[in-house]
Amino acid sequence: MMTGAGPMTIREAARRMKRDVKAVHTDVHVLLNAGILQKTGEGLIVFPFDAVHVDFMLNAA
């Protein structure tokens, strides 16, 4: 949803995804810490990539 959309507020991201702002806020901070999202100087969030390849394994608990 954020690919190519440019910088936006967390509230705008939540509106576009039709999700609760508080839940998106939590997710955004996890993605910021992982380096997947970035913050602009104005405090907006941005997804600065065209794509992300994720490779991981899930094991039974």
PDB file of N, CA and C in Angstrom:
ATOM      1  N   MET A   1       0.821  -1.188   0.000  1.00  0.00           N
ATOM      2  CA  MET A   1       0.000   0.000   0.000  1.00  0.00           C
ATOM      3  C   MET A   1       0.866   1.254   0.000  1.00  0.00           C
ATOM      4  N   MET A   2       2.038   1.185   0.600  1.00  0.00           N
ATOM      5  CA  MET A   2       2.887   2.376   0.671  1.00  0.00           C
ATOM      6  C   MET A   2       3.890   2.465  -0.475  1.00  0.00           C
ATOM      7  N   THR A   3       4.021   1.410  -1.270  1.00  0.00           N
ATOM      8  CA  THR A   3       4.975   1.425  -2.377  1.00  0.00           C
ATOM      9  C   THR A   3       4.621   2.531  -3.363  1.00  0.00           C
ATOM     10  N   GLY A   4       5.552   3.461  -3.556  1.00  0.00           N
ATOM     11  CA  GLY A   4       5.346   4.549  -4.499  1.00  0.00           C
ATOM     12  C   GLY A   4       4.394   5.634  -4.029  1.00  0.00           C
ATOM     13  N   ALA A   5       3.869   5.531  -2.821  1.00  0.00           N
ATOM     14  CA  ALA A   5       2.876   6.494  -2.330  1.00  0.00           C
ATOM     15  C   ALA A   5       3.511   7.751  -1.746  1.00  0.00           C
ATOM     16  N   GLY A   6       4.806   7.718  -1.460  1.00  0.00           N
ATOM     17  CA  GLY A   6       5.474   8.870  -0.873  1.00  0.00           C
ATOM     18  C   GLY A   6       5.225   8.971   0.622  1.00  0.00           C
ATOM     19  N   PRO A   7       5.793   9.987   1.255  1.00  0.00           N
ATOM     20  CA  PRO A   7       5.652  10.160   2.702  1.00  0.00           C
ATOM     21  C   PRO A   7       4.200  10.413   3.109  1.00  0.00           C
ATOM     22  N   MET A   8       3.844   9.897   4.281  1.00  0.00           N
ATOM     23  CA  MET A   8       2.487  10.093   4.811  1.00  0.00           C
ATOM     24  C   MET A   8       2.507   9.959   6.323  1.00  0.00           C
ATOM     25  N   THR A   9       1.434  10.394   6.934  1.00  0.00           N
ATOM     26  CA  THR A   9       1.274  10.236   8.380  1.00  0.00           C
ATOM     27  C   THR A   9       0.816   8.814   8.678  1.00  0.00           C
ATOM     28  N   ILE A  10       0.983   8.430   9.923  1.00  0.00           N
ATOM     29  CA  ILE A  10       0.485   7.117  10.357  1.00  0.00           C
ATOM     30  C   ILE A  10      -1.032   7.077  10.210  1.00  0.00           C
ATOM     31  N   ARG A  11      -1.686   8.165  10.518  1.00  0.00           N
ATOM     32  CA  ARG A  11      -3.151   8.235  10.390  1.00  0.00           C
ATOM     33  C   ARG A  11      -3.582   8.009   8.938  1.00  0.00           C
ATOM     34  N   GLU A  12      -2.845   8.603   7.987  1.00  0.00           N
ATOM     35  CA  GLU A  12      -3.164   8.417   6.568  1.00  0.00           C
ATOM     36  C   GLU A  12      -2.929   6.970   6.149  1.00  0.00           C
ATOM     37  N   ALA A  13      -1.853   6.363   6.622  1.00  0.00           N
ATOM     38  CA  ALA A  13      -1.590   4.953   6.309  1.00  0.00           C
ATOM     39  C   ALA A  13      -2.726   4.080   6.847  1.00  0.00           C
ATOM     40  N   ALA A  14      -3.167   4.345   8.067  1.00  0.00           N
ATOM     41  CA  ALA A  14      -4.268   3.575   8.661  1.00  0.00           C
ATOM     42  C   ALA A  14      -5.552   3.753   7.856  1.00  0.00           C
ATOM     43  N   ARG A  15      -5.820   4.976   7.422  1.00  0.00           N
ATOM     44  CA  ARG A  15      -7.023   5.232   6.627  1.00  0.00           C
ATOM     45  C   ARG A  15      -6.978   4.448   5.320  1.00  0.00           C
ATOM     46  N   ARG A  16      -5.835   4.473   4.644  1.00  0.00           N
ATOM     47  CA  ARG A  16      -5.715   3.758   3.372  1.00  0.00           C
ATOM     48  C   ARG A  16      -5.848   2.252   3.535  1.00  0.00           C
ATOM     49  N   MET A  17      -5.411   1.729   4.680  1.00  0.00           N
ATOM     50  CA  MET A  17      -5.500   0.287   4.925  1.00  0.00           C
ATOM     51  C   MET A  17      -6.798  -0.112   5.632  1.00  0.00           C
ATOM     52  N   LYS A  18      -7.593   0.900   5.974  1.00  0.00           N
ATOM     53  CA  LYS A  18      -8.847   0.653   6.704  1.00  0.00           C
ATOM     54  C   LYS A  18      -8.587  -0.134   7.986  1.00  0.00           C
ATOM     55  N   ARG A  19      -7.571   0.364   8.755  1.00  0.00           N
ATOM     56  CA  ARG A  19      -7.179  -0.260  10.012  1.00  0.00           C
ATOM     57  C   ARG A  19      -7.185   0.768  11.128  1.00  0.00           C
ATOM     58  N   ASP A  20      -7.204   0.289  12.346  1.00  0.00           N
ATOM     59  CA  ASP A  20      -7.165   1.115  13.541  1.00  0.00           C
ATOM     60  C   ASP A  20      -5.819   1.845  13.630  1.00  0.00           C
ATOM     61  N   VAL A  21      -5.856   3.142  13.931  1.00  0.00           N
ATOM     62  CA  VAL A  21      -4.639   3.955  13.986  1.00  0.00           C
ATOM     63  C   VAL A  21      -3.663   3.414  15.027  1.00  0.00           C
ATOM     64  N   LYS A  22      -4.148   3.015  16.186  1.00  0.00           N
ATOM     65  CA  LYS A  22      -3.273   2.504  17.250  1.00  0.00           C
ATOM     66  C   LYS A  22      -2.537   1.245  16.796  1.00  0.00           C
ATOM     67  N   ALA A  23      -3.237   0.349  16.119  1.00  0.00           N
ATOM     68  CA  ALA A  23      -2.608  -0.880  15.626  1.00  0.00           C
ATOM     69  C   ALA A  23      -1.554  -0.564  14.564  1.00  0.00           C
ATOM     70  N   VAL A  24      -1.866   0.356  13.662  1.00  0.00           N
ATOM     71  CA  VAL A  24      -0.911   0.747  12.620  1.00  0.00           C
ATOM     72  C   VAL A  24       0.289   1.436  13.257  1.00  0.00           C
ATOM     73  N   HIS A  25       0.073   2.256  14.268  1.00  0.00           N
ATOM     74  CA  HIS A  25       1.160   2.929  14.977  1.00  0.00           C
ATOM     75  C   HIS A  25       2.150   1.895  15.519  1.00  0.00           C
ATOM     76  N   THR A  26       1.639   0.855  16.149  1.00  0.00           N
ATOM     77  CA  THR A  26       2.489  -0.207  16.686  1.00  0.00           C
ATOM     78  C   THR A  26       3.268  -0.886  15.564  1.00  0.00           C
ATOM     79  N   ASP A  27       2.583  -1.238  14.485  1.00  0.00           N
ATOM     80  CA  ASP A  27       3.239  -1.901  13.352  1.00  0.00           C
ATOM     81  C   ASP A  27       4.301  -1.010  12.719  1.00  0.00           C
ATOM     82  N   VAL A  28       4.004   0.266  12.574  1.00  0.00           N
ATOM     83  CA  VAL A  28       4.950   1.206  11.966  1.00  0.00           C
ATOM     84  C   VAL A  28       6.238   1.263  12.779  1.00  0.00           C
ATOM     85  N   HIS A  29       6.131   1.309  14.091  1.00  0.00           N
ATOM     86  CA  HIS A  29       7.335   1.392  14.917  1.00  0.00           C
ATOM     87  C   HIS A  29       8.172   0.120  14.829  1.00  0.00           C
ATOM     88  N   VAL A  30       7.546  -1.022  14.693  1.00  0.00           N
ATOM     89  CA  VAL A  30       8.288  -2.267  14.479  1.00  0.00           C
ATOM     90  C   VAL A  30       9.017  -2.205  13.139  1.00  0.00           C
ATOM     91  N   LEU A  31       8.328  -1.734  12.103  1.00  0.00           N
ATOM     92  CA  LEU A  31       8.934  -1.639  10.768  1.00  0.00           C
ATOM     93  C   LEU A  31      10.019  -0.559  10.706  1.00  0.00           C
ATOM     94  N   LEU A  32       9.880   0.523  11.454  1.00  0.00           N
ATOM     95  CA  LEU A  32      10.937   1.529  11.545  1.00  0.00           C
ATOM     96  C   LEU A  32      12.189   0.930  12.186  1.00  0.00           C
ATOM     97  N   ASN A  33      12.005   0.194  13.273  1.00  0.00           N
ATOM     98  CA  ASN A  33      13.139  -0.441  13.960  1.00  0.00           C
ATOM     99  C   ASN A  33      13.829  -1.481  13.088  1.00  0.00           C
ATOM    100  N   ALA A  34      13.076  -2.125  12.212  1.00  0.00           N
ATOM    101  CA  ALA A  34      13.640  -3.140  11.308  1.00  0.00           C
ATOM    102  C   ALA A  34      14.279  -2.511  10.070  1.00  0.00           C
ATOM    103  N   GLY A  35      14.094  -1.199   9.875  1.00  0.00           N
ATOM    104  CA  GLY A  35      14.667  -0.520   8.722  1.00  0.00           C
ATOM    105  C   GLY A  35      13.848  -0.646   7.448  1.00  0.00           C
ATOM    106  N   ILE A  36      12.623  -1.140   7.574  1.00  0.00           N
ATOM    107  CA  ILE A  36      11.761  -1.309   6.401  1.00  0.00           C
ATOM    108  C   ILE A  36      11.057  -0.005   6.057  1.00  0.00           C
ATOM    109  N   LEU A  37      10.673   0.744   7.071  1.00  0.00           N
ATOM    110  CA  LEU A  37      10.119   2.084   6.872  1.00  0.00           C
ATOM    111  C   LEU A  37      11.148   3.098   7.366  1.00  0.00           C
ATOM    112  N   GLN A  38      11.042   4.318   6.867  1.00  0.00           N
ATOM    113  CA  GLN A  38      11.905   5.408   7.317  1.00  0.00           C
ATOM    114  C   GLN A  38      11.034   6.605   7.661  1.00  0.00           C
ATOM    115  N   LYS A  39      11.598   7.514   8.477  1.00  0.00           N
ATOM    116  CA  LYS A  39      10.913   8.757   8.816  1.00  0.00           C
ATOM    117  C   LYS A  39      11.597   9.901   8.105  1.00  0.00           C
ATOM    118  N   THR A  40      10.796  10.811   7.587  1.00  0.00           N
ATOM    119  CA  THR A  40      11.336  12.016   6.948  1.00  0.00           C
ATOM    120  C   THR A  40      11.693  13.028   8.030  1.00  0.00           C
ATOM    121  N   GLY A  41      12.345  14.105   7.631  1.00  0.00           N
ATOM    122  CA  GLY A  41      12.661  15.185   8.557  1.00  0.00           C
ATOM    123  C   GLY A  41      11.428  15.836   9.153  1.00  0.00           C
ATOM    124  N   GLU A  42      10.314  15.725   8.434  1.00  0.00           N
ATOM    125  CA  GLU A  42       9.045  16.289   8.915  1.00  0.00           C
ATOM    126  C   GLU A  42       8.282  15.308   9.801  1.00  0.00           C
ATOM    127  N   GLY A  43       8.823  14.102  10.020  1.00  0.00           N
ATOM    128  CA  GLY A  43       8.169  13.120  10.872  1.00  0.00           C
ATOM    129  C   GLY A  43       7.169  12.227  10.163  1.00  0.00           C
ATOM    130  N   LEU A  44       7.127  12.283   8.830  1.00  0.00           N
ATOM    131  CA  LEU A  44       6.234  11.411   8.067  1.00  0.00           C
ATOM    132  C   LEU A  44       6.921  10.071   7.841  1.00  0.00           C
ATOM    133  N   ILE A  45       6.134   9.036   7.609  1.00  0.00           N
ATOM    134  CA  ILE A  45       6.707   7.717   7.337  1.00  0.00           C
ATOM    135  C   ILE A  45       6.732   7.478   5.829  1.00  0.00           C
ATOM    136  N   VAL A  46       7.734   6.717   5.390  1.00  0.00           N
ATOM    137  CA  VAL A  46       7.866   6.438   3.962  1.00  0.00           C
ATOM    138  C   VAL A  46       8.452   5.045   3.778  1.00  0.00           C
ATOM    139  N   PHE A  47       7.959   4.346   2.762  1.00  0.00           N
ATOM    140  CA  PHE A  47       8.508   3.065   2.333  1.00  0.00           C
ATOM    141  C   PHE A  47       9.361   3.375   1.110  1.00  0.00           C
ATOM    142  N   PRO A  48      10.700   3.429   1.272  1.00  0.00           N
ATOM    143  CA  PRO A  48      11.553   3.958   0.207  1.00  0.00           C
ATOM    144  C   PRO A  48      12.018   2.916  -0.823  1.00  0.00           C
ATOM    145  N   PHE A  49      11.346   1.795  -0.908  1.00  0.00           N
ATOM    146  CA  PHE A  49      11.769   0.715  -1.795  1.00  0.00           C
ATOM    147  C   PHE A  49      10.700   0.424  -2.845  1.00  0.00           C
ATOM    148  N   ASP A  50      11.122  -0.175  -3.959  1.00  0.00           N
ATOM    149  CA  ASP A  50      10.169  -0.652  -4.967  1.00  0.00           C
ATOM    150  C   ASP A  50       9.609  -2.007  -4.573  1.00  0.00           C
ATOM    151  N   ALA A  51      10.407  -2.775  -3.824  1.00  0.00           N
ATOM    152  CA  ALA A  51       9.998  -4.112  -3.384  1.00  0.00           C
ATOM    153  C   ALA A  51      10.925  -4.558  -2.259  1.00  0.00           C
ATOM    154  N   VAL A  52      10.489  -5.545  -1.506  1.00  0.00           N
ATOM    155  CA  VAL A  52      11.315  -6.159  -0.466  1.00  0.00           C
ATOM    156  C   VAL A  52      11.148  -7.663  -0.589  1.00  0.00           C
ATOM    157  N   HIS A  53      12.269  -8.371  -0.624  1.00  0.00           N
ATOM    158  CA  HIS A  53      12.240  -9.830  -0.653  1.00  0.00           C
ATOM    159  C   HIS A  53      12.509 -10.310   0.767  1.00  0.00           C
ATOM    160  N   VAL A  54      11.621 -11.137   1.302  1.00  0.00           N
ATOM    161  CA  VAL A  54      11.756 -11.662   2.653  1.00  0.00           C
ATOM    162  C   VAL A  54      11.905 -13.170   2.563  1.00  0.00           C
ATOM    163  N   ASP A  55      12.937 -13.691   3.202  1.00  0.00           N
ATOM    164  CA  ASP A  55      13.193 -15.127   3.204  1.00  0.00           C
ATOM    165  C   ASP A  55      13.275 -15.581   4.658  1.00  0.00           C
ATOM    166  N   PHE A  56      12.337 -16.418   5.095  1.00  0.00           N
ATOM    167  CA  PHE A  56      12.347 -16.881   6.478  1.00  0.00           C
ATOM    168  C   PHE A  56      11.719 -18.256   6.564  1.00  0.00           C
ATOM    169  N   MET A  57      11.982 -18.946   7.682  1.00  0.00           N
ATOM    170  CA  MET A  57      11.452 -20.276   7.922  1.00  0.00           C
ATOM    171  C   MET A  57      10.593 -20.255   9.169  1.00  0.00           C
ATOM    172  N   LEU A  58       9.443 -20.911   9.112  1.00  0.00           N
ATOM    173  CA  LEU A  58       8.576 -21.051  10.271  1.00  0.00           C
ATOM    174  C   LEU A  58       8.659 -22.489  10.743  1.00  0.00           C
ATOM    175  N   ASN A  59       8.892 -22.685  12.046  1.00  0.00           N
ATOM    176  CA  ASN A  59       8.941 -24.011  12.656  1.00  0.00           C
ATOM    177  C   ASN A  59       7.781 -24.171  13.610  1.00  0.00           C
ATOM    178  N   ALA A  60       7.350 -25.389  13.781  1.00  0.00           N
ATOM    179  CA  ALA A  60       6.301 -25.678  14.749  1.00  0.00           C
ATOM    180  C   ALA A  60       6.823 -25.393  16.154  1.00  0.00           C
ATOM    181  N   ALA A  61       5.949 -24.914  17.015  1.00  0.00           N
ATOM    182  CA  ALA A  61       6.364 -24.570  18.394  1.00  0.00           C
ATOM    183  C   ALA A  61       6.518 -25.825  19.224  1.00  0.00           C
TER     184      ALA A  61
END
